Amino acid sequence: MGKVLELENIVLPENKRVNSFFDKEADVLYISFGEPVFSEVLESGSDTLIRFDPETFEITGVTILNFSDKLKN
């Protein structure tokens, strides 16, 4: 069985450049912190995925599915 990761163990990145990309066709917003690195994903609900470095637990990015729907609310 895999390791269980709790949201409170995730560390916010410091001094990292923030990049974003909106895929209009897929309706997905990608937000990345720093250079791309291997990441694991934590599903936080409501179509939001938190990507993190499994060694440092630092957030590497956030993916928001069905982004246009979120703007309507």
PDB file of N, CA and C in Angstrom:
ATOM      1  N   MET A   1       0.847  -1.176   0.000  1.00  0.00           N
ATOM      2  CA  MET A   1       0.000   0.000   0.000  1.00  0.00           C
ATOM      3  C   MET A   1       0.888   1.233   0.000  1.00  0.00           C
ATOM      4  N   GLY A   2       0.506   2.267  -0.767  1.00  0.00           N
ATOM      5  CA  GLY A   2       1.291   3.490  -0.888  1.00  0.00           C
ATOM      6  C   GLY A   2       1.240   4.351   0.351  1.00  0.00           C
ATOM      7  N   LYS A   3       2.151   5.297   0.392  1.00  0.00           N
ATOM      8  CA  LYS A   3       2.242   6.235   1.496  1.00  0.00           C
ATOM      9  C   LYS A   3       1.054   7.187   1.466  1.00  0.00           C
ATOM     10  N   VAL A   4       0.455   7.435   2.606  1.00  0.00           N
ATOM     11  CA  VAL A   4      -0.658   8.379   2.711  1.00  0.00           C
ATOM     12  C   VAL A   4      -0.076   9.744   3.022  1.00  0.00           C
ATOM     13  N   LEU A   5      -0.440  10.721   2.219  1.00  0.00           N
ATOM     14  CA  LEU A   5       0.068  12.074   2.406  1.00  0.00           C
ATOM     15  C   LEU A   5      -1.072  12.985   2.807  1.00  0.00           C
ATOM     16  N   GLU A   6      -0.899  13.661   3.893  1.00  0.00           N
ATOM     17  CA  GLU A   6      -1.906  14.595   4.372  1.00  0.00           C
ATOM     18  C   GLU A   6      -1.596  15.987   3.831  1.00  0.00           C
ATOM     19  N   LEU A   7      -2.624  16.753   3.522  1.00  0.00           N
ATOM     20  CA  LEU A   7      -2.464  18.078   2.950  1.00  0.00           C
ATOM     21  C   LEU A   7      -1.591  18.980   3.825  1.00  0.00           C
ATOM     22  N   GLU A   8      -1.662  18.844   5.125  1.00  0.00           N
ATOM     23  CA  GLU A   8      -0.888  19.727   6.010  1.00  0.00           C
ATOM     24  C   GLU A   8       0.622  19.456   5.937  1.00  0.00           C
ATOM     25  N   ASN A   9       1.054  18.350   5.311  1.00  0.00           N
ATOM     26  CA  ASN A   9       2.477  18.054   5.153  1.00  0.00           C
ATOM     27  C   ASN A   9       3.091  18.769   3.956  1.00  0.00           C
ATOM     28  N   ILE A  10       2.273  19.341   3.086  1.00  0.00           N
ATOM     29  CA  ILE A  10       2.757  20.002   1.884  1.00  0.00           C
ATOM     30  C   ILE A  10       3.361  21.360   2.248  1.00  0.00           C
ATOM     31  N   VAL A  11       4.504  21.698   1.623  1.00  0.00           N
ATOM     32  CA  VAL A  11       5.223  22.936   1.902  1.00  0.00           C
ATOM     33  C   VAL A  11       5.064  23.893   0.726  1.00  0.00           C
ATOM     34  N   LEU A  12       4.731  25.137   1.013  1.00  0.00           N
ATOM     35  CA  LEU A  12       4.626  26.141  -0.043  1.00  0.00           C
ATOM     36  C   LEU A  12       6.025  26.501  -0.550  1.00  0.00           C
ATOM     37  N   PRO A  13       6.164  26.703  -1.868  1.00  0.00           N
ATOM     38  CA  PRO A  13       7.474  27.055  -2.420  1.00  0.00           C
ATOM     39  C   PRO A  13       7.858  28.489  -2.078  1.00  0.00           C
ATOM     40  N   GLU A  14       9.157  28.729  -1.945  1.00  0.00           N
ATOM     41  CA  GLU A  14       9.653  30.075  -1.683  1.00  0.00           C
ATOM     42  C   GLU A  14      10.557  30.501  -2.823  1.00  0.00           C
ATOM     43  N   ASN A  15      10.452  31.772  -3.197  1.00  0.00           N
ATOM     44  CA  ASN A  15      11.323  32.360  -4.218  1.00  0.00           C
ATOM     45  C   ASN A  15      11.332  31.576  -5.529  1.00  0.00           C
ATOM     46  N   LYS A  16      10.171  31.096  -5.943  1.00  0.00           N
ATOM     47  CA  LYS A  16      10.054  30.359  -7.200  1.00  0.00           C
ATOM     48  C   LYS A  16       9.237  31.185  -8.172  1.00  0.00           C
ATOM     49  N   ARG A  17       9.634  31.133  -9.417  1.00  0.00           N
ATOM     50  CA  ARG A  17       8.886  31.812 -10.476  1.00  0.00           C
ATOM     51  C   ARG A  17       7.571  31.069 -10.700  1.00  0.00           C
ATOM     52  N   VAL A  18       6.489  31.815 -10.848  1.00  0.00           N
ATOM     53  CA  VAL A  18       5.176  31.219 -11.071  1.00  0.00           C
ATOM     54  C   VAL A  18       4.851  31.304 -12.562  1.00  0.00           C
ATOM     55  N   ASN A  19       4.525  30.165 -13.156  1.00  0.00           N
ATOM     56  CA  ASN A  19       4.142  30.097 -14.559  1.00  0.00           C
ATOM     57  C   ASN A  19       2.738  29.527 -14.631  1.00  0.00           C
ATOM     58  N   SER A  20       1.974  29.982 -15.628  1.00  0.00           N
ATOM     59  CA  SER A  20       0.640  29.434 -15.799  1.00  0.00           C
ATOM     60  C   SER A  20       0.350  29.230 -17.277  1.00  0.00           C
ATOM     61  N   PHE A  21      -0.539  28.288 -17.544  1.00  0.00           N
ATOM     62  CA  PHE A  21      -0.971  27.998 -18.904  1.00  0.00           C
ATOM     63  C   PHE A  21      -2.407  27.525 -18.839  1.00  0.00           C
ATOM     64  N   PHE A  22      -3.264  28.118 -19.685  1.00  0.00           N
ATOM     65  CA  PHE A  22      -4.652  27.692 -19.750  1.00  0.00           C
ATOM     66  C   PHE A  22      -4.871  26.941 -21.047  1.00  0.00           C
ATOM     67  N   ASP A  23      -5.277  25.686 -20.940  1.00  0.00           N
ATOM     68  CA  ASP A  23      -5.614  24.855 -22.091  1.00  0.00           C
ATOM     69  C   ASP A  23      -7.113  25.022 -22.315  1.00  0.00           C
ATOM     70  N   LYS A  24      -7.450  25.897 -23.270  1.00  0.00           N
ATOM     71  CA  LYS A  24      -8.856  26.239 -23.502  1.00  0.00           C
ATOM     72  C   LYS A  24      -9.659  25.024 -23.953  1.00  0.00           C
ATOM     73  N   GLU A  25      -9.071  24.199 -24.828  1.00  0.00           N
ATOM     74  CA  GLU A  25      -9.786  23.026 -25.342  1.00  0.00           C
ATOM     75  C   GLU A  25     -10.120  22.030 -24.228  1.00  0.00           C
ATOM     76  N   ALA A  26      -9.183  21.814 -23.324  1.00  0.00           N
ATOM     77  CA  ALA A  26      -9.398  20.876 -22.217  1.00  0.00           C
ATOM     78  C   ALA A  26     -10.048  21.552 -21.009  1.00  0.00           C
ATOM     79  N   ASP A  27     -10.075  22.902 -21.009  1.00  0.00           N
ATOM     80  CA  ASP A  27     -10.604  23.692 -19.903  1.00  0.00           C
ATOM     81  C   ASP A  27      -9.857  23.399 -18.604  1.00  0.00           C
ATOM     82  N   VAL A  28      -8.514  23.449 -18.711  1.00  0.00           N
ATOM     83  CA  VAL A  28      -7.650  23.152 -17.574  1.00  0.00           C
ATOM     84  C   VAL A  28      -6.648  24.292 -17.405  1.00  0.00           C
ATOM     85  N   LEU A  29      -6.500  24.782 -16.169  1.00  0.00           N
ATOM     86  CA  LEU A  29      -5.491  25.776 -15.838  1.00  0.00           C
ATOM     87  C   LEU A  29      -4.349  25.068 -15.122  1.00  0.00           C
ATOM     88  N   TYR A  30      -3.141  25.262 -15.646  1.00  0.00           N
ATOM     89  CA  TYR A  30      -1.932  24.699 -15.031  1.00  0.00           C
ATOM     90  C   TYR A  30      -1.134  25.848 -14.421  1.00  0.00           C
ATOM     91  N   ILE A  31      -0.776  25.722 -13.163  1.00  0.00           N
ATOM     92  CA  ILE A  31       0.069  26.702 -12.485  1.00  0.00           C
ATOM     93  C   ILE A  31       1.284  25.933 -11.970  1.00  0.00           C
ATOM     94  N   SER A  32       2.486  26.426 -12.307  1.00  0.00           N
ATOM     95  CA  SER A  32       3.712  25.745 -11.895  1.00  0.00           C
ATOM     96  C   SER A  32       4.600  26.710 -11.127  1.00  0.00           C
ATOM     97  N   PHE A  33       5.335  26.161 -10.163  1.00  0.00           N
ATOM     98  CA  PHE A  33       6.282  26.934  -9.367  1.00  0.00           C
ATOM     99  C   PHE A  33       7.683  26.432  -9.677  1.00  0.00           C
ATOM    100  N   GLY A  34       8.527  27.302 -10.250  1.00  0.00           N
ATOM    101  CA  GLY A  34       9.897  26.918 -10.581  1.00  0.00           C
ATOM    102  C   GLY A  34       9.975  26.029 -11.816  1.00  0.00           C
ATOM    103  N   GLU A  35      11.139  25.440 -12.009  1.00  0.00           N
ATOM    104  CA  GLU A  35      11.392  24.557 -13.143  1.00  0.00           C
ATOM    105  C   GLU A  35      10.618  23.250 -12.979  1.00  0.00           C
ATOM    106  N   PRO A  36      10.203  22.650 -14.090  1.00  0.00           N
ATOM    107  CA  PRO A  36       9.480  21.371 -14.003  1.00  0.00           C
ATOM    108  C   PRO A  36      10.336  20.277 -13.354  1.00  0.00           C
ATOM    109  N   VAL A  37       9.742  19.545 -12.446  1.00  0.00           N
ATOM    110  CA  VAL A  37      10.415  18.413 -11.791  1.00  0.00           C
ATOM    111  C   VAL A  37       9.404  17.274 -11.674  1.00  0.00           C
ATOM    112  N   PHE A  38       9.906  16.062 -11.456  1.00  0.00           N
ATOM    113  CA  PHE A  38       9.014  14.930 -11.229  1.00  0.00           C
ATOM    114  C   PHE A  38       8.131  15.255 -10.035  1.00  0.00           C
ATOM    115  N   SER A  39       6.848  15.028 -10.179  1.00  0.00           N
ATOM    116  CA  SER A  39       5.911  15.352  -9.114  1.00  0.00           C
ATOM    117  C   SER A  39       4.897  14.237  -8.920  1.00  0.00           C
ATOM    118  N   GLU A  40       4.401  14.157  -7.712  1.00  0.00           N
ATOM    119  CA  GLU A  40       3.262  13.303  -7.415  1.00  0.00           C
ATOM    120  C   GLU A  40       2.058  14.220  -7.273  1.00  0.00           C
ATOM    121  N   VAL A  41       0.873  13.632  -7.304  1.00  0.00           N
ATOM    122  CA  VAL A  41      -0.351  14.437  -7.288  1.00  0.00           C
ATOM    123  C   VAL A  41      -1.191  14.100  -6.067  1.00  0.00           C
ATOM    124  N   LEU A  42      -1.698  15.143  -5.440  1.00  0.00           N
ATOM    125  CA  LEU A  42      -2.626  15.015  -4.332  1.00  0.00           C
ATOM    126  C   LEU A  42      -3.946  15.609  -4.792  1.00  0.00           C
ATOM    127  N   GLU A  43      -4.987  14.785  -4.844  1.00  0.00           N
ATOM    128  CA  GLU A  43      -6.310  15.289  -5.222  1.00  0.00           C
ATOM    129  C   GLU A  43      -6.922  15.970  -4.009  1.00  0.00           C
ATOM    130  N   SER A  44      -7.191  17.268  -4.158  1.00  0.00           N
ATOM    131  CA  SER A  44      -7.726  18.001  -3.014  1.00  0.00           C
ATOM    132  C   SER A  44      -9.224  18.240  -3.132  1.00  0.00           C
ATOM    133  N   GLY A  45      -9.850  17.646  -4.143  1.00  0.00           N
ATOM    134  CA  GLY A  45     -11.291  17.811  -4.321  1.00  0.00           C
ATOM    135  C   GLY A  45     -11.618  18.983  -5.212  1.00  0.00           C
ATOM    136  N   SER A  46     -12.868  19.061  -5.606  1.00  0.00           N
ATOM    137  CA  SER A  46     -13.367  20.167  -6.437  1.00  0.00           C
ATOM    138  C   SER A  46     -12.529  20.386  -7.691  1.00  0.00           C
ATOM    139  N   ASP A  47     -12.101  19.302  -8.335  1.00  0.00           N
ATOM    140  CA  ASP A  47     -11.340  19.374  -9.587  1.00  0.00           C
ATOM    141  C   ASP A  47      -9.998  20.077  -9.443  1.00  0.00           C
ATOM    142  N   THR A  48      -9.409  20.058  -8.273  1.00  0.00           N
ATOM    143  CA  THR A  48      -8.121  20.690  -8.040  1.00  0.00           C
ATOM    144  C   THR A  48      -7.090  19.630  -7.666  1.00  0.00           C
ATOM    145  N   LEU A  49      -5.967  19.644  -8.401  1.00  0.00           N
ATOM    146  CA  LEU A  49      -4.881  18.704  -8.144  1.00  0.00           C
ATOM    147  C   LEU A  49      -3.662  19.491  -7.698  1.00  0.00           C
ATOM    148  N   ILE A  50      -3.041  19.070  -6.611  1.00  0.00           N
ATOM    149  CA  ILE A  50      -1.826  19.711  -6.121  1.00  0.00           C
ATOM    150  C   ILE A  50      -0.659  18.799  -6.467  1.00  0.00           C
ATOM    151  N   ARG A  51       0.308  19.356  -7.224  1.00  0.00           N
ATOM    152  CA  ARG A  51       1.499  18.593  -7.587  1.00  0.00           C
ATOM    153  C   ARG A  51       2.601  18.949  -6.597  1.00  0.00           C
ATOM    154  N   PHE A  52       3.329  17.913  -6.150  1.00  0.00           N
ATOM    155  CA  PHE A  52       4.379  18.157  -5.155  1.00  0.00           C
ATOM    156  C   PHE A  52       5.573  17.250  -5.372  1.00  0.00           C
ATOM    157  N   ASP A  53       6.732  17.706  -4.916  1.00  0.00           N
ATOM    158  CA  ASP A  53       7.963  16.931  -4.966  1.00  0.00           C
ATOM    159  C   ASP A  53       7.875  15.888  -3.860  1.00  0.00           C
ATOM    160  N   PRO A  54       7.942  14.595  -4.183  1.00  0.00           N
ATOM    161  CA  PRO A  54       7.786  13.564  -3.158  1.00  0.00           C
ATOM    162  C   PRO A  54       8.934  13.491  -2.153  1.00  0.00           C
ATOM    163  N   GLU A  55      10.063  14.107  -2.469  1.00  0.00           N
ATOM    164  CA  GLU A  55      11.196  14.093  -1.534  1.00  0.00           C
ATOM    165  C   GLU A  55      11.141  15.236  -0.533  1.00  0.00           C
ATOM    166  N   THR A  56      10.748  16.426  -1.009  1.00  0.00           N
ATOM    167  CA  THR A  56      10.752  17.609  -0.138  1.00  0.00           C
ATOM    168  C   THR A  56       9.353  18.025   0.309  1.00  0.00           C
ATOM    169  N   PHE A  57       8.327  17.463  -0.329  1.00  0.00           N
ATOM    170  CA  PHE A  57       6.925  17.827  -0.092  1.00  0.00           C
ATOM    171  C   PHE A  57       6.624  19.272  -0.475  1.00  0.00           C
ATOM    172  N   GLU A  58       7.508  19.887  -1.253  1.00  0.00           N
ATOM    173  CA  GLU A  58       7.272  21.242  -1.716  1.00  0.00           C
ATOM    174  C   GLU A  58       6.309  21.210  -2.896  1.00  0.00           C
ATOM    175  N   ILE A  59       5.355  22.130  -2.917  1.00  0.00           N
ATOM    176  CA  ILE A  59       4.412  22.215  -4.020  1.00  0.00           C
ATOM    177  C   ILE A  59       5.156  22.612  -5.289  1.00  0.00           C
ATOM    178  N   THR A  60       4.925  21.861  -6.368  1.00  0.00           N
ATOM    179  CA  THR A  60       5.516  22.182  -7.660  1.00  0.00           C
ATOM    180  C   THR A  60       4.498  22.791  -8.600  1.00  0.00           C
ATOM    181  N   GLY A  61       3.215  22.658  -8.263  1.00  0.00           N
ATOM    182  CA  GLY A  61       2.185  23.251  -9.096  1.00  0.00           C
ATOM    183  C   GLY A  61       0.786  22.871  -8.671  1.00  0.00           C
ATOM    184  N   VAL A  62      -0.159  23.488  -9.353  1.00  0.00           N
ATOM    185  CA  VAL A  62      -1.575  23.237  -9.110  1.00  0.00           C
ATOM    186  C   VAL A  62      -2.245  23.101 -10.472  1.00  0.00           C
ATOM    187  N   THR A  63      -3.129  22.133 -10.603  1.00  0.00           N
ATOM    188  CA  THR A  63      -3.906  21.941 -11.822  1.00  0.00           C
ATOM    189  C   THR A  63      -5.378  22.083 -11.458  1.00  0.00           C
ATOM    190  N   ILE A  64      -6.084  22.931 -12.194  1.00  0.00           N
ATOM    191  CA  ILE A  64      -7.507  23.140 -11.928  1.00  0.00           C
ATOM    192  C   ILE A  64      -8.293  22.675 -13.143  1.00  0.00           C
ATOM    193  N   LEU A  65      -9.051  21.611 -12.967  1.00  0.00           N
ATOM    194  CA  LEU A  65      -9.882  21.060 -14.027  1.00  0.00           C
ATOM    195  C   LEU A  65     -11.186  21.836 -14.108  1.00  0.00           C
ATOM    196  N   ASN A  66     -11.799  21.864 -15.283  1.00  0.00           N
ATOM    197  CA  ASN A  66     -13.070  22.582 -15.481  1.00  0.00           C
ATOM    198  C   ASN A  66     -12.981  24.029 -15.000  1.00  0.00           C
ATOM    199  N   PHE A  67     -11.892  24.686 -15.381  1.00  0.00           N
ATOM    200  CA  PHE A  67     -11.593  26.020 -14.868  1.00  0.00           C
ATOM    201  C   PHE A  67     -12.685  27.041 -15.196  1.00  0.00           C
ATOM    202  N   SER A  68     -13.232  26.998 -16.398  1.00  0.00           N
ATOM    203  CA  SER A  68     -14.262  27.970 -16.780  1.00  0.00           C
ATOM    204  C   SER A  68     -15.470  27.917 -15.854  1.00  0.00           C
ATOM    205  N   ASP A  69     -15.813  26.723 -15.398  1.00  0.00           N
ATOM    206  CA  ASP A  69     -16.927  26.581 -14.461  1.00  0.00           C
ATOM    207  C   ASP A  69     -16.642  27.300 -13.150  1.00  0.00           C
ATOM    208  N   LYS A  70     -15.387  27.295 -12.722  1.00  0.00           N
ATOM    209  CA  LYS A  70     -15.010  27.959 -11.465  1.00  0.00           C
ATOM    210  C   LYS A  70     -15.179  29.475 -11.583  1.00  0.00           C
ATOM    211  N   LEU A  71     -14.928  30.035 -12.766  1.00  0.00           N
ATOM    212  CA  LEU A  71     -15.065  31.467 -12.961  1.00  0.00           C
ATOM    213  C   LEU A  71     -16.512  31.926 -12.908  1.00  0.00           C
ATOM    214  N   LYS A  72     -17.428  31.041 -13.261  1.00  0.00           N
ATOM    215  CA  LYS A  72     -18.847  31.367 -13.267  1.00  0.00           C
ATOM    216  C   LYS A  72     -19.417  31.464 -11.865  1.00  0.00           C
ATOM    217  N   ASN A  73     -18.787  30.785 -10.910  1.00  0.00           N
ATOM    218  CA  ASN A  73     -19.305  30.756  -9.526  1.00  0.00           C
ATOM    219  C   ASN A  73     -18.805  31.886  -8.702  1.00  0.00           C
TER     220      ASN A  73
END
